[in-house]
PDB file of N, CA and C in Angstrom:
ATOM      1  N   MET A   1       2.885 -15.771  -0.152  1.00  0.00           N
ATOM      2  CA  MET A   1       4.175 -15.156  -0.407  1.00  0.00           C
ATOM      3  C   MET A   1       4.030 -13.772  -1.018  1.00  0.00           C
ATOM      4  N   GLY A   2       2.901 -13.124  -0.779  1.00  0.00           N
ATOM      5  CA  GLY A   2       2.696 -11.775  -1.276  1.00  0.00           C
ATOM      6  C   GLY A   2       2.126 -11.710  -2.679  1.00  0.00           C
ATOM      7  N   GLN A   3       1.823 -12.844  -3.287  1.00  0.00           N
ATOM      8  CA  GLN A   3       1.271 -12.864  -4.639  1.00  0.00           C
ATOM      9  C   GLN A   3      -0.198 -13.278  -4.577  1.00  0.00           C
ATOM     10  N   THR A   4      -0.988 -12.465  -3.899  1.00  0.00           N
ATOM     11  CA  THR A   4      -2.376 -12.836  -3.644  1.00  0.00           C
ATOM     12  C   THR A   4      -3.212 -12.949  -4.916  1.00  0.00           C
ATOM     13  N   GLU A   5      -2.993 -12.042  -5.864  1.00  0.00           N
ATOM     14  CA  GLU A   5      -3.769 -12.089  -7.104  1.00  0.00           C
ATOM     15  C   GLU A   5      -3.470 -13.375  -7.885  1.00  0.00           C
ATOM     16  N   LYS A   6      -2.209 -13.738  -7.947  1.00  0.00           N
ATOM     17  CA  LYS A   6      -1.817 -14.963  -8.643  1.00  0.00           C
ATOM     18  C   LYS A   6      -2.395 -16.189  -7.923  1.00  0.00           C
ATOM     19  N   ALA A   7      -2.343 -16.196  -6.597  1.00  0.00           N
ATOM     20  CA  ALA A   7      -2.885 -17.308  -5.820  1.00  0.00           C
ATOM     21  C   ALA A   7      -4.390 -17.431  -6.041  1.00  0.00           C
ATOM     22  N   HIS A   8      -5.072 -16.306  -6.048  1.00  0.00           N
ATOM     23  CA  HIS A   8      -6.524 -16.314  -6.260  1.00  0.00           C
ATOM     24  C   HIS A   8      -6.870 -16.904  -7.626  1.00  0.00           C
ATOM     25  N   LYS A   9      -6.109 -16.562  -8.651  1.00  0.00           N
ATOM     26  CA  LYS A   9      -6.353 -17.101  -9.996  1.00  0.00           C
ATOM     27  C   LYS A   9      -6.123 -18.612 -10.034  1.00  0.00           C
ATOM     28  N   VAL A  10      -5.084 -19.069  -9.349  1.00  0.00           N
ATOM     29  CA  VAL A  10      -4.811 -20.510  -9.301  1.00  0.00           C
ATOM     30  C   VAL A  10      -5.957 -21.235  -8.598  1.00  0.00           C
ATOM     31  N   PHE A  11      -6.437 -20.683  -7.481  1.00  0.00           N
ATOM     32  CA  PHE A  11      -7.558 -21.295  -6.767  1.00  0.00           C
ATOM     33  C   PHE A  11      -8.793 -21.344  -7.652  1.00  0.00           C
ATOM     34  N   GLU A  12      -9.059 -20.268  -8.390  1.00  0.00           N
ATOM     35  CA  GLU A  12     -10.215 -20.244  -9.292  1.00  0.00           C
ATOM     36  C   GLU A  12     -10.109 -21.326 -10.360  1.00  0.00           C
ATOM     37  N   GLU A  13      -8.916 -21.520 -10.911  1.00  0.00           N
ATOM     38  CA  GLU A  13      -8.719 -22.557 -11.924  1.00  0.00           C
ATOM     39  C   GLU A  13      -8.985 -23.943 -11.351  1.00  0.00           C
ATOM     40  N   ILE A  14      -8.472 -24.183 -10.153  1.00  0.00           N
ATOM     41  CA  ILE A  14      -8.690 -25.485  -9.512  1.00  0.00           C
ATOM     42  C   ILE A  14     -10.173 -25.699  -9.249  1.00  0.00           C
ATOM     43  N   LEU A  15     -10.855 -24.667  -8.751  1.00  0.00           N
ATOM     44  CA  LEU A  15     -12.272 -24.791  -8.427  1.00  0.00           C
ATOM     45  C   LEU A  15     -13.149 -24.955  -9.659  1.00  0.00           C
ATOM     46  N   GLN A  16     -12.676 -24.487 -10.817  1.00  0.00           N
ATOM     47  CA  GLN A  16     -13.441 -24.709 -12.041  1.00  0.00           C
ATOM     48  C   GLN A  16     -13.475 -26.193 -12.390  1.00  0.00           C
ATOM     49  N   SER A  17     -12.377 -26.889 -12.150  1.00  0.00           N
ATOM     50  CA  SER A  17     -12.350 -28.315 -12.476  1.00  0.00           C
ATOM     51  C   SER A  17     -12.857 -29.174 -11.313  1.00  0.00           C
ATOM     52  N   ASN A  18     -12.730 -28.685 -10.081  1.00  0.00           N
ATOM     53  CA  ASN A  18     -13.182 -29.432  -8.912  1.00  0.00           C
ATOM     54  C   ASN A  18     -13.801 -28.453  -7.907  1.00  0.00           C
ATOM     55  N   PRO A  19     -15.079 -28.091  -8.107  1.00  0.00           N
ATOM     56  CA  PRO A  19     -15.693 -27.032  -7.302  1.00  0.00           C
ATOM     57  C   PRO A  19     -15.791 -27.333  -5.809  1.00  0.00           C
ATOM     58  N   PHE A  20     -15.638 -28.578  -5.408  1.00  0.00           N
ATOM     59  CA  PHE A  20     -15.762 -28.923  -3.998  1.00  0.00           C
ATOM     60  C   PHE A  20     -14.452 -29.411  -3.402  1.00  0.00           C
ATOM     61  N   SER A  21     -13.349 -28.961  -3.951  1.00  0.00           N
ATOM     62  CA  SER A  21     -12.040 -29.309  -3.384  1.00  0.00           C
ATOM     63  C   SER A  21     -11.913 -28.634  -2.028  1.00  0.00           C
ATOM     64  N   TYR A  22     -11.973 -29.434  -0.965  1.00  0.00           N
ATOM     65  CA  TYR A  22     -11.977 -28.880   0.395  1.00  0.00           C
ATOM     66  C   TYR A  22     -10.759 -28.003   0.640  1.00  0.00           C
ATOM     67  N   GLU A  23      -9.581 -28.497   0.315  1.00  0.00           N
ATOM     68  CA  GLU A  23      -8.346 -27.744   0.574  1.00  0.00           C
ATOM     69  C   GLU A  23      -8.331 -26.419  -0.183  1.00  0.00           C
ATOM     70  N   THR A  24      -8.771 -26.444  -1.437  1.00  0.00           N
ATOM     71  CA  THR A  24      -8.777 -25.226  -2.242  1.00  0.00           C
ATOM     72  C   THR A  24      -9.813 -24.237  -1.723  1.00  0.00           C
ATOM     73  N   LEU A  25     -11.003 -24.721  -1.384  1.00  0.00           N
ATOM     74  CA  LEU A  25     -12.028 -23.843  -0.816  1.00  0.00           C
ATOM     75  C   LEU A  25     -11.525 -23.200   0.472  1.00  0.00           C
ATOM     76  N   PHE A  26     -10.885 -24.000   1.309  1.00  0.00           N
ATOM     77  CA  PHE A  26     -10.381 -23.518   2.589  1.00  0.00           C
ATOM     78  C   PHE A  26      -9.323 -22.437   2.394  1.00  0.00           C
ATOM     79  N   LYS A  27      -8.338 -22.717   1.557  1.00  0.00           N
ATOM     80  CA  LYS A  27      -7.253 -21.751   1.341  1.00  0.00           C
ATOM     81  C   LYS A  27      -7.751 -20.494   0.641  1.00  0.00           C
ATOM     82  N   ASN A  28      -8.685 -20.648  -0.293  1.00  0.00           N
ATOM     83  CA  ASN A  28      -9.235 -19.481  -0.974  1.00  0.00           C
ATOM     84  C   ASN A  28     -10.037 -18.624   0.004  1.00  0.00           C
ATOM     85  N   ALA A  29     -10.769 -19.248   0.916  1.00  0.00           N
ATOM     86  CA  ALA A  29     -11.526 -18.494   1.920  1.00  0.00           C
ATOM     87  C   ALA A  29     -10.588 -17.686   2.811  1.00  0.00           C
ATOM     88  N   LEU A  30      -9.486 -18.290   3.229  1.00  0.00           N
ATOM     89  CA  LEU A  30      -8.518 -17.568   4.059  1.00  0.00           C
ATOM     90  C   LEU A  30      -7.877 -16.420   3.288  1.00  0.00           C
ATOM     91  N   LEU A  31      -7.546 -16.668   2.024  1.00  0.00           N
ATOM     92  CA  LEU A  31      -6.959 -15.618   1.185  1.00  0.00           C
ATOM     93  C   LEU A  31      -7.931 -14.452   1.035  1.00  0.00           C
ATOM     94  N   MET A  32      -9.196 -14.768   0.759  1.00  0.00           N
ATOM     95  CA  MET A  32     -10.199 -13.721   0.590  1.00  0.00           C
ATOM     96  C   MET A  32     -10.355 -12.917   1.878  1.00  0.00           C
ATOM     97  N   ASP A  33     -10.346 -13.597   3.019  1.00  0.00           N
ATOM     98  CA  ASP A  33     -10.477 -12.888   4.288  1.00  0.00           C
ATOM     99  C   ASP A  33      -9.287 -11.961   4.519  1.00  0.00           C
ATOM    100  N   ARG A  34      -8.078 -12.440   4.229  1.00  0.00           N
ATOM    101  CA  ARG A  34      -6.873 -11.613   4.394  1.00  0.00           C
ATOM    102  C   ARG A  34      -6.873 -10.396   3.477  1.00  0.00           C
ATOM    103  N   CYS A  35      -7.562 -10.530   2.351  1.00  0.00           N
ATOM    104  CA  CYS A  35      -7.622  -9.419   1.393  1.00  0.00           C
ATOM    105  C   CYS A  35      -8.798  -8.483   1.678  1.00  0.00           C
ATOM    106  N   GLY A  36      -9.425  -8.663   2.834  1.00  0.00           N
ATOM    107  CA  GLY A  36     -10.521  -7.780   3.208  1.00  0.00           C
ATOM    108  C   GLY A  36     -11.861  -8.162   2.618  1.00  0.00           C
ATOM    109  N   GLU A  37     -11.976  -9.375   2.124  1.00  0.00           N
ATOM    110  CA  GLU A  37     -13.222  -9.834   1.513  1.00  0.00           C
ATOM    111  C   GLU A  37     -13.955 -10.813   2.428  1.00  0.00           C
ATOM    112  N   GLY A  38     -13.845 -10.629   3.733  1.00  0.00           N
ATOM    113  CA  GLY A  38     -14.439 -11.549   4.696  1.00  0.00           C
ATOM    114  C   GLY A  38     -15.933 -11.713   4.539  1.00  0.00           C
ATOM    115  N   GLU A  39     -16.645 -10.611   4.347  1.00  0.00           N
ATOM    116  CA  GLU A  39     -18.093 -10.690   4.172  1.00  0.00           C
ATOM    117  C   GLU A  39     -18.448 -11.401   2.864  1.00  0.00           C
ATOM    118  N   VAL A  40     -17.657 -11.167   1.836  1.00  0.00           N
ATOM    119  CA  VAL A  40     -17.898 -11.809   0.544  1.00  0.00           C
ATOM    120  C   VAL A  40     -17.725 -13.316   0.663  1.00  0.00           C
ATOM    121  N   VAL A  41     -16.690 -13.740   1.377  1.00  0.00           N
ATOM    122  CA  VAL A  41     -16.439 -15.178   1.489  1.00  0.00           C
ATOM    123  C   VAL A  41     -17.569 -15.865   2.254  1.00  0.00           C
ATOM    124  N   LEU A  42     -18.105 -15.220   3.271  1.00  0.00           N
ATOM    125  CA  LEU A  42     -19.223 -15.819   3.999  1.00  0.00           C
ATOM    126  C   LEU A  42     -20.455 -15.933   3.106  1.00  0.00           C
ATOM    127  N   LYS A  43     -20.743 -14.890   2.346  1.00  0.00           N
ATOM    128  CA  LYS A  43     -21.884 -14.946   1.413  1.00  0.00           C
ATOM    129  C   LYS A  43     -21.665 -16.019   0.350  1.00  0.00           C
ATOM    130  N   TRP A  44     -20.412 -16.134  -0.096  1.00  0.00           N
ATOM    131  CA  TRP A  44     -20.054 -17.118  -1.111  1.00  0.00           C
ATOM    132  C   TRP A  44     -20.375 -18.525  -0.617  1.00  0.00           C
ATOM    133  N   PHE A  45     -20.010 -18.829   0.622  1.00  0.00           N
ATOM    134  CA  PHE A  45     -20.282 -20.162   1.162  1.00  0.00           C
ATOM    135  C   PHE A  45     -21.747 -20.371   1.483  1.00  0.00           C
ATOM    136  N   GLU A  46     -22.461 -19.328   1.881  1.00  0.00           N
ATOM    137  CA  GLU A  46     -23.895 -19.455   2.108  1.00  0.00           C
ATOM    138  C   GLU A  46     -24.601 -19.829   0.812  1.00  0.00           C
ATOM    139  N   VAL A  47     -24.252 -19.143  -0.261  1.00  0.00           N
ATOM    140  CA  VAL A  47     -24.850 -19.444  -1.569  1.00  0.00           C
ATOM    141  C   VAL A  47     -24.467 -20.847  -2.012  1.00  0.00           C
ATOM    142  N   LEU A  48     -23.212 -21.208  -1.836  1.00  0.00           N
ATOM    143  CA  LEU A  48     -22.748 -22.540  -2.210  1.00  0.00           C
ATOM    144  C   LEU A  48     -23.518 -23.612  -1.450  1.00  0.00           C
ATOM    145  N   ALA A  49     -23.712 -23.397  -0.150  1.00  0.00           N
ATOM    146  CA  ALA A  49     -24.417 -24.372   0.676  1.00  0.00           C
ATOM    147  C   ALA A  49     -25.878 -24.505   0.248  1.00  0.00           C
ATOM    148  N   LEU A  50     -26.507 -23.408  -0.123  1.00  0.00           N
ATOM    149  CA  LEU A  50     -27.905 -23.464  -0.551  1.00  0.00           C
ATOM    150  C   LEU A  50     -28.051 -24.047  -1.949  1.00  0.00           C
ATOM    151  N   ALA A  51     -27.066 -23.808  -2.794  1.00  0.00           N
ATOM    152  CA  ALA A  51     -27.168 -24.207  -4.198  1.00  0.00           C
ATOM    153  C   ALA A  51     -26.974 -25.699  -4.411  1.00  0.00           C
ATOM    154  N   LYS A  52     -26.218 -26.337  -3.559  1.00  0.00           N
ATOM    155  CA  LYS A  52     -25.859 -27.732  -3.797  1.00  0.00           C
ATOM    156  C   LYS A  52     -26.206 -28.580  -2.584  1.00  0.00           C
ATOM    157  N   LYS A  53     -27.130 -29.485  -2.714  1.00  0.00           N
ATOM    158  CA  LYS A  53     -27.542 -30.345  -1.599  1.00  0.00           C
ATOM    159  C   LYS A  53     -26.865 -31.716  -1.747  1.00  0.00           C
ATOM    160  N   GLU A  54     -25.624 -31.797  -1.307  1.00  0.00           N
ATOM    161  CA  GLU A  54     -24.901 -33.066  -1.317  1.00  0.00           C
ATOM    162  C   GLU A  54     -23.861 -33.042  -0.212  1.00  0.00           C
ATOM    163  N   GLU A  55     -23.150 -34.120  -0.017  1.00  0.00           N
ATOM    164  CA  GLU A  55     -22.207 -34.264   1.093  1.00  0.00           C
ATOM    165  C   GLU A  55     -21.136 -33.190   1.115  1.00  0.00           C
ATOM    166  N   LYS A  56     -20.691 -32.711  -0.029  1.00  0.00           N
ATOM    167  CA  LYS A  56     -19.620 -31.718  -0.074  1.00  0.00           C
ATOM    168  C   LYS A  56     -20.048 -30.383   0.503  1.00  0.00           C
ATOM    169  N   VAL A  57     -21.338 -30.127   0.596  1.00  0.00           N
ATOM    170  CA  VAL A  57     -21.826 -28.884   1.182  1.00  0.00           C
ATOM    171  C   VAL A  57     -21.394 -28.800   2.637  1.00  0.00           C
ATOM    172  N   ARG A  58     -21.313 -29.938   3.289  1.00  0.00           N
ATOM    173  CA  ARG A  58     -20.872 -29.985   4.689  1.00  0.00           C
ATOM    174  C   ARG A  58     -19.486 -29.379   4.830  1.00  0.00           C
ATOM    175  N   ASP A  59     -18.611 -29.667   3.880  1.00  0.00           N
ATOM    176  CA  ASP A  59     -17.271 -29.075   3.906  1.00  0.00           C
ATOM    177  C   ASP A  59     -17.341 -27.553   3.808  1.00  0.00           C
ATOM    178  N   ALA A  60     -18.230 -27.049   2.956  1.00  0.00           N
ATOM    179  CA  ALA A  60     -18.378 -25.598   2.816  1.00  0.00           C
ATOM    180  C   ALA A  60     -18.870 -24.989   4.129  1.00  0.00           C
ATOM    181  N   CYS A  61     -19.789 -25.653   4.801  1.00  0.00           N
ATOM    182  CA  CYS A  61     -20.293 -25.155   6.088  1.00  0.00           C
ATOM    183  C   CYS A  61     -19.194 -25.175   7.143  1.00  0.00           C
ATOM    184  N   PHE A  62     -18.353 -26.184   7.103  1.00  0.00           N
ATOM    185  CA  PHE A  62     -17.241 -26.274   8.043  1.00  0.00           C
ATOM    186  C   PHE A  62     -16.271 -25.103   7.839  1.00  0.00           C
ATOM    187  N   ILE A  63     -15.964 -24.804   6.596  1.00  0.00           N
ATOM    188  CA  ILE A  63     -15.063 -23.688   6.289  1.00  0.00           C
ATOM    189  C   ILE A  63     -15.711 -22.368   6.715  1.00  0.00           C
ATOM    190  N   MET A  64     -17.007 -22.224   6.461  1.00  0.00           N
ATOM    191  CA  MET A  64     -17.707 -21.010   6.844  1.00  0.00           C
ATOM    192  C   MET A  64     -17.634 -20.813   8.364  1.00  0.00           C
ATOM    193  N   ALA A  65     -17.784 -21.882   9.130  1.00  0.00           N
ATOM    194  CA  ALA A  65     -17.674 -21.793  10.589  1.00  0.00           C
ATOM    195  C   ALA A  65     -16.269 -21.348  10.988  1.00  0.00           C
ATOM    196  N   TYR A  66     -15.266 -21.880  10.306  1.00  0.00           N
ATOM    197  CA  TYR A  66     -13.883 -21.496  10.607  1.00  0.00           C
ATOM    198  C   TYR A  66     -13.643 -20.017  10.313  1.00  0.00           C
ATOM    199  N   VAL A  67     -14.198 -19.540   9.216  1.00  0.00           N
ATOM    200  CA  VAL A  67     -14.037 -18.126   8.862  1.00  0.00           C
ATOM    201  C   VAL A  67     -14.671 -17.241   9.936  1.00  0.00           C
ATOM    202  N   HIS A  68     -15.772 -17.693  10.514  1.00  0.00           N
ATOM    203  CA  HIS A  68     -16.368 -16.936  11.622  1.00  0.00           C
ATOM    204  C   HIS A  68     -15.347 -16.776  12.759  1.00  0.00           C
ATOM    205  N   PHE A  69     -14.613 -17.843  13.062  1.00  0.00           N
ATOM    206  CA  PHE A  69     -13.590 -17.760  14.104  1.00  0.00           C
ATOM    207  C   PHE A  69     -12.482 -16.790  13.716  1.00  0.00           C
ATOM    208  N   VAL A  70     -12.025 -16.868  12.475  1.00  0.00           N
ATOM    209  CA  VAL A  70     -10.961 -15.981  12.000  1.00  0.00           C
ATOM    210  C   VAL A  70     -11.386 -14.522  12.128  1.00  0.00           C
ATOM    211  N   GLN A  71     -12.669 -14.264  11.933  1.00  0.00           N
ATOM    212  CA  GLN A  71     -13.189 -12.899  12.002  1.00  0.00           C
ATOM    213  C   GLN A  71     -13.646 -12.521  13.417  1.00  0.00           C
ATOM    214  N   ASN A  72     -13.273 -13.337  14.397  1.00  0.00           N
ATOM    215  CA  ASN A  72     -13.611 -13.108  15.814  1.00  0.00           C
ATOM    216  C   ASN A  72     -15.102 -13.154  16.109  1.00  0.00           C
ATOM    217  N   ASN A  73     -15.849 -13.878  15.307  1.00  0.00           N
ATOM    218  CA  ASN A  73     -17.264 -14.142  15.586  1.00  0.00           C
ATOM    219  C   ASN A  73     -17.351 -15.508  16.267  1.00  0.00           C
ATOM    220  N   ILE A  74     -16.772 -15.598  17.476  1.00  0.00           N
ATOM    221  CA  ILE A  74     -16.607 -16.871  18.174  1.00  0.00           C
ATOM    222  C   ILE A  74     -17.945 -17.562  18.426  1.00  0.00           C
ATOM    223  N   ASP A  75     -18.936 -16.832  18.928  1.00  0.00           N
ATOM    224  CA  ASP A  75     -20.229 -17.443  19.239  1.00  0.00           C
ATOM    225  C   ASP A  75     -20.877 -18.041  17.992  1.00  0.00           C
ATOM    226  N   LEU A  76     -20.815 -17.314  16.894  1.00  0.00           N
ATOM    227  CA  LEU A  76     -21.397 -17.807  15.641  1.00  0.00           C
ATOM    228  C   LEU A  76     -20.630 -19.027  15.135  1.00  0.00           C
ATOM    229  N   GLY A  77     -19.310 -18.996  15.251  1.00  0.00           N
ATOM    230  CA  GLY A  77     -18.504 -20.148  14.850  1.00  0.00           C
ATOM    231  C   GLY A  77     -18.823 -21.376  15.678  1.00  0.00           C
ATOM    232  N   LEU A  78     -18.915 -21.216  17.002  1.00  0.00           N
ATOM    233  CA  LEU A  78     -19.249 -22.341  17.885  1.00  0.00           C
ATOM    234  C   LEU A  78     -20.635 -22.900  17.576  1.00  0.00           C
ATOM    235  N   MET A  79     -21.592 -22.007  17.341  1.00  0.00           N
ATOM    236  CA  MET A  79     -22.936 -22.442  17.011  1.00  0.00           C
ATOM    237  C   MET A  79     -22.933 -23.263  15.710  1.00  0.00           C
ATOM    238  N   SER A  80     -22.144 -22.816  14.739  1.00  0.00           N
ATOM    239  CA  SER A  80     -22.057 -23.538  13.469  1.00  0.00           C
ATOM    240  C   SER A  80     -21.446 -24.921  13.668  1.00  0.00           C
ATOM    241  N   TYR A  81     -20.393 -25.002  14.481  1.00  0.00           N
ATOM    242  CA  TYR A  81     -19.780 -26.306  14.756  1.00  0.00           C
ATOM    243  C   TYR A  81     -20.751 -27.225  15.483  1.00  0.00           C
ATOM    244  N   GLN A  82     -21.528 -26.688  16.414  1.00  0.00           N
ATOM    245  CA  GLN A  82     -22.497 -27.502  17.140  1.00  0.00           C
ATOM    246  C   GLN A  82     -23.576 -28.036  16.206  1.00  0.00           C
ATOM    247  N   GLU A  83     -24.014 -27.211  15.261  1.00  0.00           N
ATOM    248  CA  GLU A  83     -24.995 -27.668  14.271  1.00  0.00           C
ATOM    249  C   GLU A  83     -24.423 -28.795  13.424  1.00  0.00           C
ATOM    250  N   LEU A  84     -23.169 -28.631  12.993  1.00  0.00           N
ATOM    251  CA  LEU A  84     -22.534 -29.664  12.185  1.00  0.00           C
ATOM    252  C   LEU A  84     -22.386 -30.957  12.978  1.00  0.00           C
ATOM    253  N   THR A  85     -22.058 -30.866  14.254  1.00  0.00           N
ATOM    254  CA  THR A  85     -21.923 -32.045  15.100  1.00  0.00           C
ATOM    255  C   THR A  85     -23.272 -32.743  15.246  1.00  0.00           C
ATOM    256  N   GLY A  86     -24.332 -31.958  15.429  1.00  0.00           N
ATOM    257  CA  GLY A  86     -25.670 -32.534  15.553  1.00  0.00           C
ATOM    258  C   GLY A  86     -26.138 -33.235  14.289  1.00  0.00           C
ATOM    259  N   GLU A  87     -25.735 -32.727  13.135  1.00  0.00           N
ATOM    260  CA  GLU A  87     -26.142 -33.329  11.869  1.00  0.00           C
ATOM    261  C   GLU A  87     -25.472 -34.685  11.642  1.00  0.00           C
ATOM    262  N   ASP A  88     -24.206 -34.798  12.045  1.00  0.00           N
ATOM    263  CA  ASP A  88     -23.468 -36.049  11.839  1.00  0.00           C
ATOM    264  C   ASP A  88     -22.473 -36.247  12.982  1.00  0.00           C
ATOM    265  N   PRO A  89     -22.928 -36.883  14.065  1.00  0.00           N
ATOM    266  CA  PRO A  89     -22.051 -37.080  15.225  1.00  0.00           C
ATOM    267  C   PRO A  89     -20.810 -37.918  14.929  1.00  0.00           C
ATOM    268  N   SER A  90     -20.807 -38.665  13.822  1.00  0.00           N
ATOM    269  CA  SER A  90     -19.638 -39.487  13.490  1.00  0.00           C
ATOM    270  C   SER A  90     -18.531 -38.687  12.799  1.00  0.00           C
ATOM    271  N   ASP A  91     -18.833 -37.462  12.359  1.00  0.00           N
ATOM    272  CA  ASP A  91     -17.825 -36.615  11.712  1.00  0.00           C
ATOM    273  C   ASP A  91     -16.983 -35.954  12.797  1.00  0.00           C
ATOM    274  N   TYR A  92     -15.704 -36.267  12.802  1.00  0.00           N
ATOM    275  CA  TYR A  92     -14.805 -35.794  13.855  1.00  0.00           C
ATOM    276  C   TYR A  92     -14.405 -34.323  13.702  1.00  0.00           C
ATOM    277  N   LYS A  93     -14.459 -33.748  12.503  1.00  0.00           N
ATOM    278  CA  LYS A  93     -13.918 -32.403  12.275  1.00  0.00           C
ATOM    279  C   LYS A  93     -14.523 -31.337  13.185  1.00  0.00           C
ATOM    280  N   PRO A  94     -15.842 -31.175  13.244  1.00  0.00           N
ATOM    281  CA  PRO A  94     -16.361 -30.114  14.105  1.00  0.00           C
ATOM    282  C   PRO A  94     -16.118 -30.394  15.589  1.00  0.00           C
ATOM    283  N   ILE A  95     -16.136 -31.649  15.980  1.00  0.00           N
ATOM    284  CA  ILE A  95     -15.878 -32.006  17.383  1.00  0.00           C
ATOM    285  C   ILE A  95     -14.446 -31.666  17.738  1.00  0.00           C
ATOM    286  N   PHE A  96     -13.516 -31.983  16.846  1.00  0.00           N
ATOM    287  CA  PHE A  96     -12.094 -31.726  17.071  1.00  0.00           C
ATOM    288  C   PHE A  96     -11.822 -30.230  17.218  1.00  0.00           C
ATOM    289  N   VAL A  97     -12.384 -29.431  16.325  1.00  0.00           N
ATOM    290  CA  VAL A  97     -12.141 -27.986  16.344  1.00  0.00           C
ATOM    291  C   VAL A  97     -12.843 -27.337  17.528  1.00  0.00           C
ATOM    292  N   GLU A  98     -14.055 -27.767  17.803  1.00  0.00           N
ATOM    293  CA  GLU A  98     -14.840 -27.178  18.887  1.00  0.00           C
ATOM    294  C   GLU A  98     -14.188 -27.454  20.249  1.00  0.00           C
ATOM    295  N   GLY A  99     -13.598 -28.640  20.397  1.00  0.00           N
ATOM    296  CA  GLY A  99     -13.016 -29.033  21.678  1.00  0.00           C
ATOM    297  C   GLY A  99     -11.761 -28.308  21.929  1.00  0.00           C
TER     298      GLY A  99
END
């Protein structure tokens, strides 16, 4: 609603208490991209994915793949979805988006 700075602060507060909140990570990534921070958001998720080796990292990789699509890096986004599908064929999210 045009209050990007306020939204960013709210997302930061939520992420402090729940750093792997999928919805918050997703919305914050989109907000950052809209504010011209697309490269920063990709680096942010790369660091997050490397720093934490647990199931929630998969969500960060999924969001990173989506951001590639938003930034018109279609080939890179598709490649990321294919990697995610190969890692866990039972996870419907990358299959659904890729199809």
